N, C-alpha and C. Protein backbone atom coordinates (compact mmCIF):
# COMPACT_ATOMS: atom_id res chain seq x y z
N MET A 1 2.90 2.15 -18.32
CA MET A 1 3.14 1.29 -17.26
C MET A 1 2.35 0.25 -17.14
N SER A 2 2.59 -0.80 -16.68
CA SER A 2 2.31 -2.12 -16.54
C SER A 2 1.36 -2.36 -15.33
N ALA A 3 0.29 -3.00 -15.50
CA ALA A 3 -0.36 -3.40 -14.35
C ALA A 3 0.25 -4.28 -13.48
N ASN A 4 0.98 -5.14 -14.23
CA ASN A 4 1.53 -6.45 -13.25
C ASN A 4 3.49 -5.88 -13.30
N ALA A 5 3.57 -4.67 -13.16
CA ALA A 5 5.07 -4.38 -12.83
C ALA A 5 5.73 -5.40 -11.99
N SER A 6 6.95 -5.45 -12.02
CA SER A 6 7.93 -6.37 -11.41
C SER A 6 8.93 -5.68 -10.76
N THR A 7 9.21 -4.42 -10.83
CA THR A 7 10.24 -3.72 -10.42
C THR A 7 10.01 -3.42 -8.94
N SER A 8 11.12 -3.88 -8.32
CA SER A 8 10.90 -3.39 -6.81
C SER A 8 11.35 -2.03 -6.25
N VAL A 9 10.63 -1.75 -5.12
CA VAL A 9 11.00 -0.47 -4.47
C VAL A 9 11.35 -0.65 -2.99
N THR A 10 12.01 0.02 -2.73
CA THR A 10 12.37 0.06 -1.05
C THR A 10 12.01 1.26 -0.61
N PHE A 11 11.17 1.32 0.44
CA PHE A 11 11.00 2.65 1.04
C PHE A 11 11.54 2.41 2.41
N THR A 12 11.85 3.94 2.71
CA THR A 12 12.11 4.11 4.14
C THR A 12 10.82 3.98 5.08
N HIS A 13 11.09 4.04 6.46
CA HIS A 13 10.02 3.69 7.35
C HIS A 13 8.88 4.85 6.96
N THR A 14 9.86 6.29 7.17
CA THR A 14 8.57 7.25 6.91
C THR A 14 7.90 7.40 5.53
N GLN A 15 8.54 6.75 4.77
CA GLN A 15 7.84 6.54 3.43
C GLN A 15 6.80 5.54 3.34
N THR A 16 7.11 4.59 3.98
CA THR A 16 6.16 3.44 4.28
C THR A 16 4.84 4.00 4.83
N VAL A 17 4.99 4.78 6.12
CA VAL A 17 3.85 5.11 7.07
C VAL A 17 3.21 5.93 5.99
N ALA A 18 3.54 6.80 5.18
CA ALA A 18 3.20 7.82 4.58
C ALA A 18 2.42 7.03 3.25
N VAL A 19 2.96 6.06 2.65
CA VAL A 19 2.04 5.20 1.62
C VAL A 19 0.97 4.63 2.28
N VAL A 20 1.21 3.68 3.52
CA VAL A 20 -0.15 3.45 4.16
C VAL A 20 -1.09 4.14 4.51
N ASP A 21 -0.82 5.18 5.00
CA ASP A 21 -1.69 6.44 5.51
C ASP A 21 -2.51 6.92 4.41
N VAL A 22 -1.88 7.14 2.87
CA VAL A 22 -2.64 7.61 1.92
C VAL A 22 -3.67 6.48 1.52
N LEU A 23 -2.93 5.23 1.22
CA LEU A 23 -4.06 4.05 1.13
C LEU A 23 -5.02 3.89 1.89
N ALA A 24 -4.99 4.29 3.51
CA ALA A 24 -5.72 3.85 4.35
C ALA A 24 -6.95 4.83 3.75
N GLN A 25 -6.49 6.11 3.65
CA GLN A 25 -7.48 7.22 3.37
C GLN A 25 -8.21 6.85 2.11
N TRP A 26 -7.59 6.32 1.08
CA TRP A 26 -8.70 6.01 0.03
C TRP A 26 -9.38 5.06 0.53
N MET A 27 -8.69 4.08 0.95
CA MET A 27 -9.93 2.93 1.54
C MET A 27 -10.94 3.59 1.99
N ASN A 28 -10.92 4.40 3.05
CA ASN A 28 -12.16 4.99 3.55
C ASN A 28 -12.80 5.91 2.99
N GLU A 29 -12.11 6.42 2.06
CA GLU A 29 -13.36 7.21 1.07
C GLU A 29 -14.13 6.82 -0.07
N LEU A 30 -13.28 5.64 -0.42
CA LEU A 30 -13.90 4.86 -1.67
C LEU A 30 -14.43 3.44 -1.02
N GLY A 31 -13.95 3.18 -0.10
CA GLY A 31 -14.50 1.43 -0.02
C GLY A 31 -13.21 0.75 -0.52
N GLY A 32 -13.30 -0.61 0.27
CA GLY A 32 -12.27 -1.39 0.35
C GLY A 32 -12.10 -1.89 -1.45
N GLU A 33 -13.31 -2.19 -1.98
CA GLU A 33 -13.69 -2.77 -3.33
C GLU A 33 -13.35 -1.82 -4.40
N GLU A 34 -13.37 -0.28 -4.25
CA GLU A 34 -12.99 0.42 -4.92
C GLU A 34 -11.82 0.70 -5.25
N ILE A 35 -10.75 0.55 -4.57
CA ILE A 35 -9.45 0.63 -4.58
C ILE A 35 -8.67 -0.49 -5.51
N GLY A 36 -9.44 -1.57 -5.10
CA GLY A 36 -8.58 -2.43 -6.20
C GLY A 36 -7.81 -3.84 -5.18
N GLU A 37 -7.96 -4.69 -5.66
CA GLU A 37 -6.92 -5.87 -5.06
C GLU A 37 -5.62 -5.56 -4.75
N GLY A 38 -5.07 -4.86 -5.88
CA GLY A 38 -3.53 -4.80 -6.03
C GLY A 38 -3.16 -3.65 -4.81
N LEU A 39 -3.99 -2.67 -4.91
CA LEU A 39 -3.65 -1.54 -3.78
C LEU A 39 -3.76 -2.23 -2.55
N PHE A 40 -4.73 -2.96 -2.37
CA PHE A 40 -4.91 -3.71 -0.92
C PHE A 40 -3.77 -4.28 -0.61
N LYS A 41 -3.52 -5.28 -1.29
CA LYS A 41 -2.36 -6.25 -1.05
C LYS A 41 -1.09 -5.39 -0.73
N LEU A 42 -0.77 -4.15 -1.45
CA LEU A 42 0.29 -3.31 -1.54
C LEU A 42 0.26 -2.85 0.22
N MET A 43 -1.08 -2.22 0.53
CA MET A 43 -1.23 -1.99 2.15
C MET A 43 -1.18 -2.81 2.90
N ASP A 44 -1.79 -4.27 2.60
CA ASP A 44 -1.43 -5.34 3.59
C ASP A 44 0.09 -5.65 3.75
N ALA A 45 0.67 -5.40 2.69
CA ALA A 45 2.45 -5.98 2.83
C ALA A 45 3.27 -5.10 3.46
N LEU A 46 2.68 -3.69 3.14
CA LEU A 46 3.41 -2.73 3.86
C LEU A 46 3.08 -2.56 5.25
N THR A 47 1.92 -2.73 5.52
CA THR A 47 1.56 -2.71 7.06
C THR A 47 2.03 -3.99 7.87
N ASN A 48 2.49 -5.01 7.19
CA ASN A 48 3.18 -6.17 7.75
C ASN A 48 4.51 -5.97 7.96
N ASP A 49 5.10 -5.10 7.15
CA ASP A 49 6.45 -4.71 6.93
C ASP A 49 6.56 -3.70 8.36
N LEU A 50 5.78 -3.15 8.55
CA LEU A 50 5.65 -2.14 9.66
C LEU A 50 5.74 -2.74 11.12
N GLU A 51 4.98 -3.76 11.15
CA GLU A 51 4.80 -4.60 12.17
C GLU A 51 6.00 -5.54 12.84
N ARG A 52 6.64 -5.42 11.51
CA ARG A 52 8.19 -6.52 11.57
C ARG A 52 9.36 -5.70 12.17
N GLU A 53 9.24 -4.27 12.00
CA GLU A 53 10.40 -2.99 12.52
C GLU A 53 10.28 -3.36 13.72
């Protein structure tokens, strides 16, 4: 598994909500600095996608 993976993934609305919920829980439990910049960027991108729906 690569830290710089470039394969795209498509989530349904329900899957996107579930991933955002898990990332938010991790962020609350570990703190934003602990989850890493990549996961924070993923959460931000998914949240933006949900807002555009």
